[in-house]
C-alpha atoms as a PDB file:
ATOM      1  CA  MET A   1    -140.139  38.288  19.227  1.00  0.00           C
ATOM      2  CA  ASN A   2    -142.965  38.711  16.615  1.00  0.00           C
ATOM      3  CA  ASP A   3    -142.583  42.303  15.200  1.00  0.00           C
ATOM      4  CA  GLU A   4    -146.094  42.029  13.904  1.00  0.00           C
ATOM      5  CA  ASN A   5    -147.354  42.138  17.676  1.00  0.00           C
ATOM      6  CA  LEU A   6    -145.452  45.002  18.670  1.00  0.00           C
ATOM      7  CA  ILE A   7    -147.394  48.532  19.211  1.00  0.00           C
ATOM      8  CA  PRO A   8    -145.549  51.607  19.154  1.00  0.00           C
ATOM      9  CA  LEU A   9    -145.882  53.823  22.072  1.00  0.00           C
ATOM     10  CA  ASN A  10    -147.134  56.515  20.311  1.00  0.00           C
ATOM     11  CA  LYS A  11    -150.271  54.312  19.362  1.00  0.00           C
ATOM     12  CA  ARG A  12    -151.009  53.567  22.982  1.00  0.00           C
ATOM     13  CA  SER A  13    -153.264  55.469  25.373  1.00  0.00           C
ATOM     14  CA  LYS A  14    -152.055  57.738  27.772  1.00  0.00           C
ATOM     15  CA  SER A  15    -152.287  55.709  30.744  1.00  0.00           C
ATOM     16  CA  GLU A  16    -150.660  52.453  28.891  1.00  0.00           C
ATOM     17  CA  GLN A  17    -147.987  54.801  27.983  1.00  0.00           C
ATOM     18  CA  ARG A  18    -147.532  55.950  31.691  1.00  0.00           C
ATOM     19  CA  GLN A  19    -147.515  52.376  32.936  1.00  0.00           C
ATOM     20  CA  ILE A  20    -144.760  51.512  30.442  1.00  0.00           C
ATOM     21  CA  GLN A  21    -142.453  54.440  31.287  1.00  0.00           C
ATOM     22  CA  SER A  22    -143.160  53.860  34.940  1.00  0.00           C
ATOM     23  CA  MET A  23    -141.894  50.243  34.533  1.00  0.00           C
ATOM     24  CA  GLY A  24    -138.626  51.455  32.520  1.00  0.00           C
ATOM     25  CA  GLY A  25    -137.806  53.948  35.291  1.00  0.00           C
ATOM     26  CA  LEU A  26    -138.246  51.340  38.030  1.00  0.00           C
ATOM     27  CA  LYS A  27    -135.965  48.987  36.056  1.00  0.00           C
ATOM     28  CA  SER A  28    -133.557  51.510  35.411  1.00  0.00           C
ATOM     29  CA  GLY A  29    -133.019  52.350  39.128  1.00  0.00           C
ATOM     30  CA  GLU A  30    -132.679  48.723  40.139  1.00  0.00           C
ATOM     31  CA  ASN A  31    -129.960  48.507  37.587  1.00  0.00           C
ATOM     32  CA  ARG A  32    -128.245  51.683  38.790  1.00  0.00           C
ATOM     33  CA  ARG A  33    -128.407  50.123  42.357  1.00  0.00           C
ATOM     34  CA  LYS A  34    -126.973  46.905  40.946  1.00  0.00           C
ATOM     35  CA  ARG A  35    -123.964  48.813  39.282  1.00  0.00           C
ATOM     36  CA  LYS A  36    -123.344  50.990  42.548  1.00  0.00           C
ATOM     37  CA  THR A  37    -122.969  47.746  44.532  1.00  0.00           C
ATOM     38  CA  LEU A  38    -120.585  46.341  41.910  1.00  0.00           C
ATOM     39  CA  LYS A  39    -118.665  49.376  41.981  1.00  0.00           C
ATOM     40  CA  GLU A  40    -118.590  49.411  45.815  1.00  0.00           C
ATOM     41  CA  ASP A  41    -117.477  45.596  46.003  1.00  0.00           C
ATOM     42  CA  LEU A  42    -114.758  46.336  43.309  1.00  0.00           C
ATOM     43  CA  ILE A  43    -113.312  49.344  45.313  1.00  0.00           C
ATOM     44  CA  ALA A  44    -113.433  47.211  48.642  1.00  0.00           C
ATOM     45  CA  LEU A  45    -111.489  44.524  46.852  1.00  0.00           C
ATOM     46  CA  LEU A  46    -108.932  46.780  45.589  1.00  0.00           C
ATOM     47  CA  GLU A  47    -108.541  48.103  48.720  1.00  0.00           C
ATOM     48  CA  ASP A  48    -106.498  45.200  49.743  1.00  0.00           C
ATOM     49  CA  GLY A  49    -103.078  45.655  48.577  1.00  0.00           C
ATOM     50  CA  SER A  50    -102.418  42.049  47.463  1.00  0.00           C
ATOM     51  CA  VAL A  51    -105.327  41.953  45.095  1.00  0.00           C
ATOM     52  CA  GLN A  52    -104.551  45.282  43.359  1.00  0.00           C
ATOM     53  CA  ARG A  53    -100.666  43.964  43.115  1.00  0.00           C
ATOM     54  CA  LYS A  54    -102.105  40.723  41.482  1.00  0.00           C
ATOM     55  CA  GLY A  55    -104.209  42.877  38.919  1.00  0.00           C
ATOM     56  CA  CYS A  56    -101.201  44.858  37.948  1.00  0.00           C
ATOM     57  CA  VAL A  57     -99.038  41.825  37.475  1.00  0.00           C
ATOM     58  CA  ALA A  58    -101.851  40.317  35.265  1.00  0.00           C
ATOM     59  CA  LEU A  59    -101.956  43.242  33.524  1.00  0.00           C
ATOM     60  CA  ILE A  60     -98.165  43.442  33.001  1.00  0.00           C
ATOM     61  CA  ASP A  61     -98.340  39.788  31.865  1.00  0.00           C
ATOM     62  CA  GLN A  62    -100.718  40.562  29.133  1.00  0.00           C
ATOM     63  CA  PHE A  63     -98.617  43.443  28.096  1.00  0.00           C
ATOM     64  CA  LEU A  64     -95.600  41.196  27.716  1.00  0.00           C
ATOM     65  CA  LYS A  65     -97.761  38.608  25.765  1.00  0.00           C
ATOM     66  CA  GLY A  66     -98.484  41.581  23.120  1.00  0.00           C
ATOM     67  CA  ASN A  67    -101.756  42.812  24.418  1.00  0.00           C
ATOM     68  CA  ILE A  68    -101.620  46.500  23.029  1.00  0.00           C
ATOM     69  CA  LYS A  69    -104.664  47.278  25.163  1.00  0.00           C
ATOM     70  CA  ALA A  70    -102.787  46.289  28.281  1.00  0.00           C
ATOM     71  CA  PHE A  71     -99.993  48.391  27.167  1.00  0.00           C
ATOM     72  CA  GLU A  72    -101.959  51.482  26.541  1.00  0.00           C
ATOM     73  CA  THR A  73    -103.643  51.006  29.867  1.00  0.00           C
ATOM     74  CA  ILE A  74    -100.484  50.670  31.836  1.00  0.00           C
ATOM     75  CA  ARG A  75     -99.131  53.734  29.841  1.00  0.00           C
ATOM     76  CA  ASP A  76    -102.061  55.840  30.672  1.00  0.00           C
ATOM     77  CA  THR A  77    -102.201  54.967  34.409  1.00  0.00           C
ATOM     78  CA  ILE A  78     -98.764  55.964  34.917  1.00  0.00           C
ATOM     79  CA  GLY A  79     -99.418  59.410  33.254  1.00  0.00           C
ATOM     80  CA  GLU A  80     -97.234  59.196  30.237  1.00  0.00           C
ATOM     81  CA  LYS A  81    -100.460  59.306  27.761  1.00  0.00           C
ATOM     82  CA  PRO A  82     -99.313  61.338  24.681  1.00  0.00           C
ATOM     83  CA  THR A  83    -101.331  64.674  24.267  1.00  0.00           C
ATOM     84  CA  GLU A  84    -102.719  65.327  21.240  1.00  0.00           C
ATOM     85  CA  LYS A  85    -101.456  68.754  19.776  1.00  0.00           C
ATOM     86  CA  THR A  86    -102.642  70.745  16.815  1.00  0.00           C
ATOM     87  CA  GLU A  87    -100.544  73.371  15.134  1.00  0.00           C
ATOM     88  CA  LEU A  88    -101.513  75.611  12.374  1.00  0.00           C
ATOM     89  CA  VAL A  89     -98.752  75.822   9.622  1.00  0.00           C
ATOM     90  CA  GLY A  90     -99.001  78.223   7.182  1.00  0.00           C
ATOM     91  CA  GLU A  91    -101.829  81.022   6.363  1.00  0.00           C
ATOM     92  CA  LEU A  92    -105.583  80.460   5.732  1.00  0.00           C
ATOM     93  CA  PRO A  93    -106.827  81.088   2.403  1.00  0.00           C
ATOM     94  CA  PRO A  94    -108.808  84.404   2.122  1.00  0.00           C
ATOM     95  CA  LEU A  95    -112.331  84.318   3.086  1.00  0.00           C
ATOM     96  CA  VAL A  96    -114.721  84.937   0.349  1.00  0.00           C
ATOM     97  CA  VAL A  97    -117.927  86.743   0.959  1.00  0.00           C
ATOM     98  CA  ARG A  98    -120.980  86.060  -1.124  1.00  0.00           C
ATOM     99  CA  GLU A  99    -124.238  88.038  -1.456  1.00  0.00           C
ATOM    100  CA  LEU A 100    -127.498  86.926  -3.058  1.00  0.00           C
ATOM    101  CA  LYS A 101    -129.196  88.910  -5.346  1.00  0.00           C
ATOM    102  CA  THR A 102    -132.907  89.414  -4.936  1.00  0.00           C
ATOM    103  CA  ASP A 103    -133.617  87.957  -8.271  1.00  0.00           C
ATOM    104  CA  ASP A 104    -131.523  84.813  -7.640  1.00  0.00           C
ATOM    105  CA  THR A 105    -133.216  83.913  -4.507  1.00  0.00           C
ATOM    106  CA  ARG A 106    -135.469  81.056  -6.261  1.00  0.00           C
ATOM    107  CA  ASP A 107    -132.560  79.257  -8.116  1.00  0.00           C
ATOM    108  CA  GLY A 108    -129.764  79.781  -5.501  1.00  0.00           C
ATOM    109  CA  ASN A 109    -127.151  81.506  -7.528  1.00  0.00           C
ATOM    110  CA  CYS A 110    -124.572  83.502  -5.951  1.00  0.00           C
ATOM    111  CA  ASP A 111    -122.279  86.342  -7.300  1.00  0.00           C
ATOM    112  CA  THR A 112    -119.027  87.168  -5.321  1.00  0.00           C
ATOM    113  CA  VAL A 113    -118.976  90.335  -3.788  1.00  0.00           C
ATOM    114  CA  SER A 114    -115.402  90.689  -2.093  1.00  0.00           C
ATOM    115  CA  ALA A 115    -112.807  88.745  -0.499  1.00  0.00           C
ATOM    116  CA  SER A 116    -111.125  89.867   2.612  1.00  0.00           C
ATOM    117  CA  ASP A 117    -107.483  89.722   2.842  1.00  0.00           C
END
């Protein structure tokens, strides 16, 4: 595509903008319907126990070949995903409060007024 031929949306007339946006909305709806159909097809296939079992076996085969993503998928699916815990150790440093002087507002200088304990 030649970038010189592209016209930004804000340089187009309101009617052209509406027409382009309408086409985008229609295409978006079409893609949503396709994804929904794909999802429904996959769910229907997975309801067949043999297909689901074959998928699990393939996932385990990938894990045994060293595929880390397969391992993580298996681990997470069986409910053993590690939780991330953050623990605060020690104390936080004291908070320093600063106040601007009226004559220092132009150059951005500040003076420390107090520190909380």
